[in-house]
N, C-alpha and C. Protein backbone atom coordinates (compact mmCIF):
# COMPACT_ATOMS: atom_id res chain seq x y z
N ALA A 1 -1.41 -19.05 -123.98
CA ALA A 1 -0.44 -19.34 -123.15
C ALA A 1 0.19 -20.31 -122.38
N SER A 2 1.24 -21.22 -122.92
CA SER A 2 1.79 -22.71 -122.23
C SER A 2 2.70 -22.67 -121.37
N THR A 3 2.39 -23.31 -120.21
CA THR A 3 3.22 -23.77 -119.12
C THR A 3 4.76 -24.07 -119.46
N LYS A 4 5.45 -23.57 -119.41
CA LYS A 4 7.11 -24.24 -119.36
C LYS A 4 7.86 -24.46 -117.87
N LYS A 5 8.43 -25.38 -117.83
CA LYS A 5 9.18 -25.82 -116.69
C LYS A 5 11.06 -26.09 -116.75
N TYR A 6 11.78 -25.15 -116.04
CA TYR A 6 12.89 -25.41 -116.28
C TYR A 6 13.68 -25.55 -114.93
N PRO A 7 14.67 -26.67 -115.15
CA PRO A 7 15.31 -26.89 -114.14
C PRO A 7 16.58 -25.73 -113.67
N LYS A 8 16.71 -25.81 -112.75
CA LYS A 8 17.98 -24.73 -112.02
C LYS A 8 19.27 -24.95 -112.60
N ASN A 9 19.74 -23.77 -113.23
CA ASN A 9 21.14 -23.33 -113.85
C ASN A 9 20.74 -23.68 -115.67
N GLN A 10 19.28 -23.86 -116.07
CA GLN A 10 19.47 -23.85 -117.34
C GLN A 10 19.44 -22.48 -118.19
N LEU A 11 20.01 -22.34 -119.13
CA LEU A 11 20.02 -21.19 -119.89
C LEU A 11 18.89 -21.62 -120.84
N ILE A 12 17.92 -20.19 -120.82
CA ILE A 12 16.65 -19.83 -121.58
C ILE A 12 16.70 -19.52 -122.97
N TYR A 13 17.36 -18.26 -122.67
CA TYR A 13 17.71 -17.12 -123.67
C TYR A 13 19.30 -17.05 -123.79
N TYR A 14 19.79 -17.37 -125.13
CA TYR A 14 21.49 -17.09 -125.20
C TYR A 14 21.47 -15.32 -125.88
N GLU A 15 22.38 -14.80 -125.13
CA GLU A 15 22.50 -13.28 -125.60
C GLU A 15 22.59 -13.44 -127.65
N GLY A 16 21.82 -12.34 -127.88
CA GLY A 16 22.19 -12.64 -129.55
C GLY A 16 20.88 -13.40 -130.14
N ASP A 17 19.91 -14.36 -129.35
CA ASP A 17 19.42 -15.13 -129.80
C ASP A 17 18.24 -13.98 -130.60
N GLU A 18 17.17 -14.58 -131.80
CA GLU A 18 16.10 -13.83 -132.11
C GLU A 18 15.08 -14.03 -130.90
N LEU A 19 13.95 -12.58 -130.67
CA LEU A 19 13.19 -12.89 -129.69
C LEU A 19 12.15 -14.09 -130.22
N SER A 20 11.47 -14.81 -129.72
CA SER A 20 10.63 -15.73 -130.16
C SER A 20 9.38 -15.29 -129.42
N GLN A 21 10.14 -15.58 -127.94
CA GLN A 21 8.85 -16.19 -127.24
C GLN A 21 8.84 -14.84 -125.81
N ILE A 22 8.05 -14.46 -124.71
CA ILE A 22 8.03 -14.07 -124.02
C ILE A 22 7.74 -14.83 -122.94
N TYR A 23 8.37 -14.87 -121.84
CA TYR A 23 7.79 -15.64 -120.58
C TYR A 23 7.30 -14.53 -119.45
N LEU A 24 6.20 -15.09 -118.58
CA LEU A 24 5.89 -14.51 -117.36
C LEU A 24 6.32 -15.27 -116.20
N ILE A 25 7.46 -15.27 -115.55
CA ILE A 25 7.49 -15.75 -114.27
C ILE A 25 6.82 -16.28 -113.40
N LYS A 26 6.10 -17.61 -112.93
CA LYS A 26 5.39 -18.14 -111.91
C LYS A 26 6.07 -18.62 -110.56
N GLU A 27 6.82 -18.89 -110.87
CA GLU A 27 7.72 -19.55 -109.98
C GLU A 27 9.04 -19.73 -110.00
N GLY A 28 10.04 -19.53 -108.85
CA GLY A 28 11.01 -19.35 -109.01
C GLY A 28 12.06 -18.28 -109.53
N TYR A 29 13.31 -18.19 -109.83
CA TYR A 29 14.25 -16.92 -110.03
C TYR A 29 14.96 -17.16 -111.29
N ILE A 30 15.33 -16.19 -112.35
CA ILE A 30 15.93 -16.07 -113.32
C ILE A 30 17.31 -14.93 -113.01
N LYS A 31 18.32 -15.38 -113.77
CA LYS A 31 19.43 -14.18 -113.51
C LYS A 31 19.59 -13.81 -115.10
N ALA A 32 19.83 -12.87 -115.47
CA ALA A 32 20.16 -11.86 -116.88
C ALA A 32 21.24 -11.14 -116.73
N TYR A 33 22.58 -12.21 -117.63
CA TYR A 33 23.94 -12.07 -117.71
C TYR A 33 24.52 -11.46 -118.90
N THR A 34 25.65 -11.02 -119.02
CA THR A 34 25.96 -10.52 -120.09
C THR A 34 27.72 -11.40 -119.90
N ILE A 35 28.60 -11.19 -121.40
CA ILE A 35 29.87 -11.56 -121.15
C ILE A 35 30.33 -10.40 -121.48
N LEU A 36 31.70 -10.28 -120.52
CA LEU A 36 32.45 -9.12 -120.91
C LEU A 36 33.53 -9.53 -122.00
N ASP A 37 34.06 -8.38 -122.22
CA ASP A 37 35.42 -8.88 -123.34
C ASP A 37 36.41 -9.64 -122.95
N SER A 38 36.81 -9.51 -121.32
CA SER A 38 37.76 -10.54 -120.67
C SER A 38 37.57 -12.02 -120.63
N GLY A 39 35.78 -11.89 -121.00
CA GLY A 39 35.46 -13.28 -120.46
C GLY A 39 34.35 -13.68 -119.49
N ASP A 40 34.86 -12.83 -118.34
CA ASP A 40 34.08 -12.79 -117.12
C ASP A 40 32.34 -12.51 -117.69
N THR A 41 31.58 -12.94 -116.58
CA THR A 41 30.53 -12.44 -116.61
C THR A 41 29.90 -11.64 -116.02
N ARG A 42 28.87 -10.62 -116.19
CA ARG A 42 28.55 -9.79 -115.50
C ARG A 42 26.87 -10.18 -115.18
N THR A 43 26.21 -10.06 -114.13
CA THR A 43 24.71 -10.41 -114.02
C THR A 43 24.15 -8.97 -114.04
N ILE A 44 23.07 -8.66 -114.43
CA ILE A 44 22.77 -7.21 -115.10
C ILE A 44 21.66 -7.12 -113.89
N PHE A 45 20.84 -7.86 -113.73
CA PHE A 45 19.56 -7.84 -112.70
C PHE A 45 18.78 -9.47 -112.54
N LEU A 46 18.06 -9.12 -111.69
CA LEU A 46 17.45 -10.67 -111.06
C LEU A 46 16.21 -10.52 -111.18
N LEU A 47 15.57 -11.53 -111.49
CA LEU A 47 13.88 -11.74 -111.90
C LEU A 47 13.49 -12.77 -111.32
N GLY A 48 11.93 -12.32 -110.74
CA GLY A 48 11.37 -13.56 -109.98
C GLY A 48 9.93 -13.41 -109.90
N PRO A 49 8.71 -14.36 -109.66
CA PRO A 49 7.73 -14.36 -109.76
C PRO A 49 6.83 -12.92 -110.38
N GLY A 50 6.25 -13.13 -111.43
CA GLY A 50 5.58 -11.64 -111.78
C GLY A 50 6.54 -10.88 -112.84
N ASP A 51 7.57 -11.07 -112.91
CA ASP A 51 8.31 -10.59 -113.80
C ASP A 51 8.57 -10.74 -115.39
N ILE A 52 8.59 -10.54 -116.20
CA ILE A 52 8.50 -10.63 -117.69
C ILE A 52 10.25 -10.71 -118.23
N PHE A 53 10.34 -11.98 -118.91
CA PHE A 53 11.81 -12.09 -119.56
C PHE A 53 11.35 -12.43 -121.28
N PRO A 54 12.41 -12.07 -122.17
CA PRO A 54 13.46 -10.99 -121.88
C PRO A 54 12.96 -9.62 -121.40
N THR A 55 13.78 -8.75 -121.33
CA THR A 55 13.60 -7.64 -120.93
C THR A 55 13.88 -6.86 -122.70
N VAL A 56 12.83 -6.17 -123.12
CA VAL A 56 12.78 -6.07 -124.59
C VAL A 56 12.80 -4.31 -124.45
N PHE A 57 13.79 -3.61 -125.33
CA PHE A 57 14.50 -2.19 -125.12
C PHE A 57 13.58 -1.68 -126.15
N SER A 58 12.01 -2.00 -126.69
CA SER A 58 12.02 -1.23 -127.92
C SER A 58 10.26 -0.62 -127.37
N ALA A 59 10.28 0.75 -126.81
CA ALA A 59 8.62 1.21 -127.06
C ALA A 59 8.00 1.07 -127.82
N THR A 60 8.51 0.98 -128.88
CA THR A 60 7.78 0.76 -130.35
C THR A 60 7.03 -0.49 -130.09
N MET A 61 7.43 -1.44 -129.71
CA MET A 61 7.20 -2.65 -129.67
C MET A 61 7.35 -3.59 -131.23
N ASP A 62 8.36 -3.13 -132.02
CA ASP A 62 8.76 -3.79 -133.31
C ASP A 62 9.49 -4.74 -132.71
N TRP A 63 9.31 -5.63 -133.01
CA TRP A 63 10.32 -7.02 -132.56
C TRP A 63 10.25 -7.61 -133.26
N HIS A 64 10.34 -7.34 -134.66
CA HIS A 64 11.01 -8.05 -136.02
C HIS A 64 12.16 -8.55 -135.87
N ASN A 65 12.86 -9.72 -136.23
CA ASN A 65 14.34 -9.71 -136.02
C ASN A 65 15.40 -9.06 -134.82
N TYR A 66 14.16 -8.71 -133.79
CA TYR A 66 14.71 -8.34 -132.36
C TYR A 66 15.89 -9.19 -131.65
N LYS A 67 17.17 -8.91 -131.42
CA LYS A 67 17.90 -9.60 -130.85
C LYS A 67 18.11 -9.66 -129.11
N VAL A 68 17.83 -10.58 -128.60
CA VAL A 68 17.76 -10.25 -127.36
C VAL A 68 19.11 -10.05 -126.65
N LYS A 69 19.25 -9.08 -125.82
CA LYS A 69 20.42 -8.23 -125.36
C LYS A 69 21.31 -9.17 -123.92
N TYR A 70 20.63 -9.97 -123.60
CA TYR A 70 21.30 -10.82 -122.34
C TYR A 70 21.19 -12.42 -122.61
N PHE A 71 22.15 -13.05 -121.73
CA PHE A 71 21.78 -14.38 -121.44
C PHE A 71 20.53 -14.52 -120.23
N TYR A 72 19.67 -15.36 -120.17
CA TYR A 72 19.03 -15.49 -119.25
C TYR A 72 19.03 -17.11 -118.88
N GLN A 73 19.31 -17.35 -117.35
CA GLN A 73 19.35 -18.52 -116.93
C GLN A 73 18.81 -18.44 -115.69
N SER A 74 18.48 -20.00 -115.34
CA SER A 74 17.61 -20.26 -114.15
C SER A 74 18.27 -20.33 -112.63
N LEU A 75 18.14 -19.37 -112.08
CA LEU A 75 18.82 -19.55 -110.65
C LEU A 75 18.15 -20.80 -109.90
N THR A 76 16.76 -20.92 -110.05
CA THR A 76 16.26 -22.16 -109.43
C THR A 76 15.17 -22.68 -110.05
N ASP A 77 14.83 -23.59 -109.78
CA ASP A 77 13.59 -24.23 -110.52
C ASP A 77 12.76 -23.00 -111.02
N VAL A 78 12.17 -23.46 -112.38
CA VAL A 78 11.52 -22.03 -112.65
C VAL A 78 9.75 -23.00 -113.43
N VAL A 79 9.08 -22.39 -113.32
CA VAL A 79 7.74 -22.34 -114.02
C VAL A 79 7.23 -21.11 -114.32
N ALA A 80 7.21 -20.99 -115.92
CA ALA A 80 6.75 -19.88 -116.27
C ALA A 80 5.59 -19.93 -117.58
N LEU A 81 4.80 -18.98 -117.76
CA LEU A 81 4.14 -18.96 -118.88
C LEU A 81 4.71 -18.50 -120.20
N SER A 82 4.44 -18.92 -121.60
CA SER A 82 5.23 -18.86 -122.51
C SER A 82 4.26 -17.94 -123.70
N LEU A 83 4.70 -17.14 -124.62
CA LEU A 83 3.42 -16.72 -125.22
C LEU A 83 4.36 -16.17 -126.47
N SER A 84 3.96 -16.55 -127.78
CA SER A 84 4.80 -15.81 -128.62
C SER A 84 4.95 -14.26 -128.48
N HIS A 85 5.96 -13.76 -129.16
CA HIS A 85 6.14 -12.63 -129.00
C HIS A 85 4.82 -11.41 -129.68
N GLU A 86 4.41 -12.33 -130.81
CA GLU A 86 3.61 -11.88 -131.55
C GLU A 86 2.09 -11.81 -130.80
N ALA A 87 2.04 -12.89 -130.16
CA ALA A 87 0.67 -13.33 -129.35
C ALA A 87 0.41 -12.13 -127.99
N PHE A 88 2.08 -11.83 -127.56
CA PHE A 88 2.08 -11.05 -126.60
C PHE A 88 2.14 -9.55 -127.13
N LYS A 89 2.54 -9.18 -127.72
CA LYS A 89 2.19 -7.80 -128.55
C LYS A 89 0.63 -7.37 -128.62
N THR A 90 -0.03 -8.55 -129.19
CA THR A 90 -1.60 -8.48 -129.55
C THR A 90 -2.26 -8.32 -128.13
N GLN A 91 -2.10 -9.12 -127.33
CA GLN A 91 -2.39 -9.03 -125.95
C GLN A 91 -2.23 -7.46 -125.50
N VAL A 92 -0.95 -7.29 -125.46
CA VAL A 92 -0.77 -5.70 -124.90
C VAL A 92 -1.36 -4.60 -125.40
N GLU A 93 -1.43 -4.63 -126.88
CA GLU A 93 -2.29 -3.80 -127.66
C GLU A 93 -3.71 -3.64 -127.59
N SER A 94 -4.25 -4.61 -126.94
CA SER A 94 -5.62 -5.12 -126.74
C SER A 94 -6.22 -4.07 -126.22
N SER A 95 -5.75 -3.16 -125.29
CA SER A 95 -6.21 -2.45 -124.69
C SER A 95 -5.34 -1.39 -123.97
N PRO A 96 -5.98 -0.03 -123.68
CA PRO A 96 -5.19 1.12 -123.07
C PRO A 96 -4.55 0.56 -121.84
N GLU A 97 -5.24 0.02 -121.10
CA GLU A 97 -5.31 -0.66 -119.71
C GLU A 97 -3.76 -1.26 -119.95
N ASN A 98 -3.85 -2.24 -120.55
CA ASN A 98 -3.00 -3.26 -120.99
C ASN A 98 -1.41 -2.93 -121.47
N MET A 99 -1.69 -1.77 -122.12
CA MET A 99 -0.52 -1.13 -122.67
C MET A 99 0.03 -0.15 -121.45
N GLY A 100 -0.77 0.30 -120.90
CA GLY A 100 -0.06 1.30 -119.72
C GLY A 100 0.40 0.23 -118.24
N THR A 101 0.13 -0.85 -118.36
CA THR A 101 0.76 -1.71 -117.42
C THR A 101 1.68 -2.24 -117.73
N TYR A 102 2.00 -2.66 -119.12
CA TYR A 102 3.32 -2.93 -119.87
C TYR A 102 4.43 -1.90 -120.02
N MET A 103 3.70 -0.62 -120.06
CA MET A 103 5.02 0.35 -120.04
C MET A 103 5.00 0.65 -118.86
N ALA A 104 4.20 0.65 -117.75
CA ALA A 104 4.91 0.99 -116.35
C ALA A 104 5.91 -0.12 -115.75
N TYR A 105 5.78 -1.07 -116.43
CA TYR A 105 6.46 -2.31 -116.25
C TYR A 105 8.00 -2.41 -116.64
N MET A 106 7.81 -1.90 -117.63
CA MET A 106 9.43 -1.58 -119.00
C MET A 106 9.85 -0.50 -117.98
N SER A 107 9.25 0.53 -117.47
CA SER A 107 10.14 1.63 -116.89
C SER A 107 10.51 1.29 -115.42
N ALA A 108 10.04 0.63 -115.02
CA ALA A 108 10.36 0.10 -113.68
C ALA A 108 11.55 -0.65 -113.72
N SER A 109 11.39 -1.61 -114.94
CA SER A 109 12.75 -2.53 -115.11
C SER A 109 13.58 -1.50 -115.57
N ASN A 110 13.44 -0.55 -116.58
CA ASN A 110 14.84 0.23 -116.54
C ASN A 110 15.12 1.26 -115.72
N GLU A 111 14.59 1.24 -114.87
CA GLU A 111 14.94 2.19 -113.63
C GLU A 111 15.72 1.09 -112.67
N ALA A 112 15.50 0.03 -112.51
CA ALA A 112 16.32 -1.11 -111.65
C ALA A 112 17.68 -1.37 -112.42
N ILE A 113 17.53 -1.23 -113.48
CA ILE A 113 18.80 -1.47 -114.30
C ILE A 113 19.63 -0.27 -114.20
N MET A 114 19.23 0.85 -113.93
CA MET A 114 20.09 2.18 -113.97
C MET A 114 20.59 2.22 -112.46
N LYS A 115 19.99 1.85 -111.79
CA LYS A 115 19.91 1.50 -109.85
C LYS A 115 21.37 0.72 -110.03
N GLN A 116 21.02 -0.71 -110.61
CA GLN A 116 22.53 -1.29 -110.77
C GLN A 116 23.60 -0.89 -111.29
N LEU A 117 23.45 0.32 -112.43
CA LEU A 117 24.61 0.46 -112.92
C LEU A 117 25.38 1.62 -111.93
N GLU A 118 24.31 2.14 -111.29
CA GLU A 118 24.80 3.30 -110.43
C GLU A 118 25.43 2.44 -109.15
N VAL A 119 25.19 1.44 -108.96
CA VAL A 119 25.69 0.41 -107.74
C VAL A 119 27.25 0.36 -108.21
N MET A 120 27.46 -0.23 -109.47
CA MET A 120 28.58 -0.48 -109.93
C MET A 120 29.52 0.99 -110.14
N LYS A 121 28.73 1.86 -110.19
CA LYS A 121 30.15 3.12 -110.49
C LYS A 121 30.46 3.54 -109.41
N ASN A 122 30.14 2.99 -108.10
CA ASN A 122 30.64 3.50 -106.64
C ASN A 122 32.21 3.11 -106.68
N LYS A 123 33.26 4.07 -106.06
CA LYS A 123 34.09 3.47 -106.30
C LYS A 123 34.76 2.62 -105.06
N LYS A 124 33.80 2.90 -103.81
CA LYS A 124 34.36 2.14 -102.75
C LYS A 124 33.69 0.53 -103.17
N ALA A 125 34.52 -0.16 -102.81
CA ALA A 125 34.01 -1.70 -102.72
C ALA A 125 32.60 -2.20 -101.87
N ILE A 126 33.16 -1.81 -100.81
CA ILE A 126 31.95 -1.88 -99.78
C ILE A 126 30.73 -1.25 -99.80
N ASN A 127 31.03 -0.26 -100.43
CA ASN A 127 29.65 0.93 -100.57
C ASN A 127 28.83 -0.21 -101.83
N LYS A 128 29.66 -0.66 -102.81
CA LYS A 128 29.08 -1.44 -103.83
C LYS A 128 28.37 -2.40 -103.61
N VAL A 129 28.46 -2.95 -102.22
CA VAL A 129 28.15 -4.01 -101.87
C VAL A 129 26.66 -3.68 -100.71
N ILE A 130 26.71 -2.83 -99.81
CA ILE A 130 25.85 -2.04 -99.27
C ILE A 130 24.83 -1.41 -100.07
N MET A 131 25.01 -1.08 -101.20
CA MET A 131 24.01 -0.25 -101.95
C MET A 131 23.05 -1.39 -102.69
N LEU A 132 23.84 -2.51 -102.85
CA LEU A 132 23.30 -3.84 -103.32
C LEU A 132 21.99 -4.17 -102.21
N LEU A 133 22.23 -4.39 -101.19
CA LEU A 133 21.09 -5.02 -100.18
C LEU A 133 20.00 -4.30 -100.28
N PRO A 134 19.72 -3.36 -100.55
CA PRO A 134 18.12 -2.91 -100.81
C PRO A 134 17.39 -3.98 -101.79
N TYR A 135 18.27 -3.72 -102.94
CA TYR A 135 17.85 -4.66 -104.17
C TYR A 135 17.54 -6.08 -103.89
N LEU A 136 18.57 -6.43 -103.10
CA LEU A 136 18.05 -7.68 -103.00
C LEU A 136 17.00 -8.25 -102.09
N ILE A 137 16.39 -7.23 -100.88
CA ILE A 137 15.51 -7.53 -100.44
C ILE A 137 14.14 -7.06 -101.14
N SER A 138 14.39 -6.44 -102.12
CA SER A 138 13.15 -5.96 -102.92
C SER A 138 12.70 -7.01 -103.63
N LYS A 139 13.69 -7.78 -103.91
CA LYS A 139 13.83 -8.76 -105.24
C LYS A 139 13.40 -10.30 -104.30
N PHE A 140 14.04 -10.53 -103.34
CA PHE A 140 13.89 -11.44 -102.51
C PHE A 140 13.74 -11.71 -101.16
N GLY A 141 13.61 -10.60 -100.51
CA GLY A 141 13.67 -10.68 -99.12
C GLY A 141 12.19 -10.99 -98.60
N GLU A 142 12.04 -11.97 -97.25
CA GLU A 142 11.09 -12.14 -96.55
C GLU A 142 11.27 -11.92 -95.39
N ARG A 143 10.35 -10.55 -94.98
CA ARG A 143 10.58 -10.57 -93.67
C ARG A 143 10.54 -11.37 -92.37
N ILE A 144 11.45 -11.36 -91.53
CA ILE A 144 11.45 -12.49 -90.35
C ILE A 144 11.45 -11.92 -89.34
N ARG A 145 11.94 -10.63 -88.99
CA ARG A 145 11.88 -9.75 -87.88
C ARG A 145 11.73 -8.41 -88.18
N PRO A 146 11.44 -7.48 -87.36
CA PRO A 146 11.06 -6.24 -87.53
C PRO A 146 12.15 -5.68 -88.54
N ASP A 147 13.69 -5.68 -88.30
CA ASP A 147 14.54 -5.25 -88.88
C ASP A 147 15.32 -6.25 -89.95
N ALA A 148 15.05 -7.29 -90.15
CA ALA A 148 15.59 -8.28 -90.84
C ALA A 148 14.67 -9.23 -92.03
N TYR A 149 15.71 -9.01 -92.94
CA TYR A 149 14.95 -9.97 -93.86
C TYR A 149 15.93 -10.93 -94.41
N ARG A 150 15.15 -12.48 -94.71
CA ARG A 150 15.92 -13.44 -95.30
C ARG A 150 15.77 -13.35 -96.65
N LEU A 151 16.81 -13.80 -97.31
CA LEU A 151 16.30 -14.00 -98.71
C LEU A 151 16.06 -15.30 -99.07
N LYS A 152 14.99 -15.49 -100.34
CA LYS A 152 14.34 -16.63 -100.43
C LYS A 152 15.19 -17.72 -101.23
N ILE A 153 16.32 -17.06 -101.66
CA ILE A 153 17.33 -18.12 -102.41
C ILE A 153 18.77 -18.27 -102.20
N LYS A 154 19.69 -18.91 -102.34
CA LYS A 154 20.71 -18.71 -101.97
C LYS A 154 21.64 -18.09 -102.86
N LEU A 155 22.05 -17.19 -102.93
CA LEU A 155 23.20 -16.46 -103.51
C LEU A 155 24.34 -16.71 -103.17
N SER A 156 25.03 -17.22 -104.25
CA SER A 156 26.89 -17.31 -104.04
C SER A 156 27.70 -15.89 -103.80
N HIS A 157 28.77 -16.02 -103.27
CA HIS A 157 29.84 -15.09 -103.34
C HIS A 157 29.89 -14.37 -104.48
N GLN A 158 29.93 -15.29 -105.91
CA GLN A 158 30.46 -15.12 -107.11
C GLN A 158 28.98 -14.38 -107.59
N GLU A 159 27.85 -14.69 -107.20
CA GLU A 159 26.48 -13.73 -107.86
C GLU A 159 26.37 -12.50 -107.53
N ILE A 160 26.74 -12.28 -105.80
CA ILE A 160 26.66 -11.15 -105.44
C ILE A 160 28.01 -10.14 -105.86
N ALA A 161 28.89 -10.86 -106.38
CA ALA A 161 30.41 -10.20 -106.80
C ALA A 161 29.92 -9.47 -108.27
N ASP A 162 29.15 -10.68 -109.16
CA ASP A 162 28.48 -10.06 -110.25
C ASP A 162 27.92 -8.84 -110.34
N LEU A 163 26.80 -8.70 -109.29
CA LEU A 163 25.72 -8.08 -109.25
C LEU A 163 26.47 -6.52 -108.77
N SER A 164 27.63 -6.51 -108.03
CA SER A 164 27.85 -5.27 -107.32
C SER A 164 29.08 -4.93 -108.16
N GLY A 165 29.51 -5.62 -109.09
CA GLY A 165 30.71 -5.52 -109.86
C GLY A 165 32.16 -4.87 -109.35
N VAL A 166 32.08 -6.43 -108.23
CA VAL A 166 33.94 -6.46 -107.28
C VAL A 166 33.98 -7.83 -107.76
N THR A 167 35.59 -8.15 -107.44
CA THR A 167 35.75 -9.56 -107.47
C THR A 167 34.91 -10.39 -106.49
N ARG A 168 35.24 -12.01 -106.92
CA ARG A 168 34.46 -12.78 -106.04
C ARG A 168 35.37 -12.47 -104.51
N GLU A 169 36.64 -12.23 -104.76
CA GLU A 169 37.59 -12.45 -103.32
C GLU A 169 37.31 -11.57 -102.80
N THR A 170 37.09 -10.48 -103.25
CA THR A 170 36.97 -9.01 -102.56
C THR A 170 35.62 -9.63 -101.90
N THR A 171 34.38 -9.82 -102.42
CA THR A 171 32.88 -9.83 -101.98
C THR A 171 32.98 -10.74 -100.90
N THR A 172 33.64 -11.90 -100.93
CA THR A 172 34.25 -12.91 -99.43
C THR A 172 34.60 -12.12 -98.56
N THR A 173 35.76 -11.17 -98.66
CA THR A 173 36.41 -10.18 -97.53
C THR A 173 35.01 -9.21 -96.65
N LEU A 174 34.28 -8.30 -97.76
CA LEU A 174 33.31 -7.68 -97.34
C LEU A 174 32.17 -8.30 -96.93
N VAL A 175 31.57 -9.59 -97.26
CA VAL A 175 30.62 -10.09 -96.77
C VAL A 175 31.20 -10.34 -95.22
N LYS A 176 32.33 -10.83 -94.82
CA LYS A 176 32.70 -11.37 -93.44
C LYS A 176 32.92 -10.16 -92.59
N GLN A 177 33.19 -9.06 -93.46
CA GLN A 177 33.01 -7.57 -92.64
C GLN A 177 31.87 -7.09 -92.29
N LEU A 178 30.81 -7.42 -93.00
CA LEU A 178 29.46 -6.95 -92.77
C LEU A 178 28.95 -7.74 -91.57
N GLU A 179 29.47 -8.79 -91.77
CA GLU A 179 28.85 -9.83 -90.76
C GLU A 179 29.09 -9.38 -89.32
N LYS A 180 30.36 -9.09 -89.29
CA LYS A 180 31.08 -8.44 -88.19
C LYS A 180 30.24 -7.10 -87.62
N ARG A 181 29.80 -6.11 -88.68
CA ARG A 181 29.11 -5.18 -88.40
C ARG A 181 27.76 -5.43 -87.88
N GLY A 182 27.27 -6.51 -88.25
CA GLY A 182 26.01 -7.20 -87.89
C GLY A 182 24.79 -6.55 -88.92
N THR A 183 25.56 -6.26 -89.98
CA THR A 183 24.49 -6.02 -90.99
C THR A 183 24.02 -7.38 -92.03
N LEU A 184 24.69 -8.26 -92.20
CA LEU A 184 24.62 -9.67 -92.97
C LEU A 184 24.83 -10.59 -91.69
N GLU A 185 24.00 -11.91 -91.98
CA GLU A 185 23.86 -13.10 -91.30
C GLU A 185 23.78 -14.12 -92.21
N GLN A 186 24.59 -15.27 -92.39
CA GLN A 186 24.27 -16.50 -92.64
C GLN A 186 23.56 -17.48 -92.11
N LEU A 187 22.21 -18.12 -92.67
CA LEU A 187 21.72 -19.15 -91.67
C LEU A 187 21.72 -20.36 -92.92
N LYS A 188 22.14 -21.28 -92.60
CA LYS A 188 21.66 -22.88 -93.78
C LYS A 188 21.91 -22.33 -95.28
N GLY A 189 23.09 -21.33 -95.38
CA GLY A 189 23.51 -20.82 -96.80
C GLY A 189 22.66 -19.72 -97.29
N ARG A 190 21.64 -19.51 -96.64
CA ARG A 190 20.59 -18.02 -96.98
C ARG A 190 21.13 -16.87 -96.13
N LEU A 191 21.24 -15.69 -96.95
CA LEU A 191 21.63 -14.23 -96.06
C LEU A 191 20.39 -13.83 -95.34
N ILE A 192 20.79 -13.21 -94.30
CA ILE A 192 19.89 -12.68 -93.55
C ILE A 192 20.37 -11.10 -93.56
N ILE A 193 19.77 -10.11 -94.00
CA ILE A 193 20.15 -8.76 -94.01
C ILE A 193 19.32 -7.95 -93.08
N HIS A 194 20.08 -7.18 -92.21
CA HIS A 194 19.60 -6.20 -90.97
C HIS A 194 19.78 -4.80 -91.47
N THR A 195 18.40 -4.45 -91.78
CA THR A 195 18.22 -2.97 -92.04
C THR A 195 19.13 -1.97 -90.99
N LYS A 196 18.59 -2.32 -89.45
CA LYS A 196 19.42 -1.85 -88.19
C LYS A 196 20.59 -2.72 -87.80
N PRO A 197 21.89 -2.65 -88.48
CA PRO A 197 22.79 -3.53 -88.04
C PRO A 197 22.65 -3.39 -86.37
N ARG A 198 23.36 -5.08 -85.67
CA ARG A 198 23.14 -5.09 -84.51
C ARG A 198 24.39 -5.99 -84.44
N PRO A 199 25.21 -5.26 -82.86
CA PRO A 199 26.59 -6.21 -82.64
C PRO A 199 26.17 -7.88 -82.81
N ARG A 200 27.32 -8.24 -83.08
CA ARG A 200 27.18 -9.70 -83.25
C ARG A 200 27.27 -10.26 -81.23
N LYS A 201 26.66 -11.33 -81.30
CA LYS A 201 26.38 -12.26 -79.94
C LYS A 201 27.93 -12.57 -79.90
N LYS A 202 28.57 -12.10 -78.80
CA LYS A 202 30.26 -13.11 -78.34
C LYS A 202 29.73 -13.86 -77.91
N LYS A 203 30.93 -15.00 -78.46
CA LYS A 203 31.10 -16.40 -78.11
C LYS A 203 31.31 -16.72 -76.88
């Protein structure tokens, strides 16, 4: 495997590219997104250290002429290990343990994507954002108090909107509402999520 470094906001894979390399993220974060018929982008999921990309939806591992499903772009500076898909396949198939680990990872990835789709199906915009919070904690949260988690990266309102399936303008309004409820807090551009909302301090 070779080590690759990518600066923030670099497109690493384009949707429709032929699969050539498989990456294991060592440092940093990646977003996978698609472009809708309307021309708007829709973030499908986020990836961090320990994750593999691109996510390849083929249980048979028959990757000849496989087309990548999403765009993959760095959210931060990224360091990743890179293997050709042939070498990766050989490594996975080299032992039952490796195959089991890979299949378990793919199953968990598919489950995460399905949960994201469920978030987007919710009819109430506020519920879409609230349902997104546990996912953000699981991917980026660092515990700073018993019931509070600070995200390790800065997420824009547009990125939160893409993940929850609402407009950026609506997201901005909802974030302010959740701040008033004590569910969210912003500190130096990073979100803090309170799992047990507390009243805001009076100024």
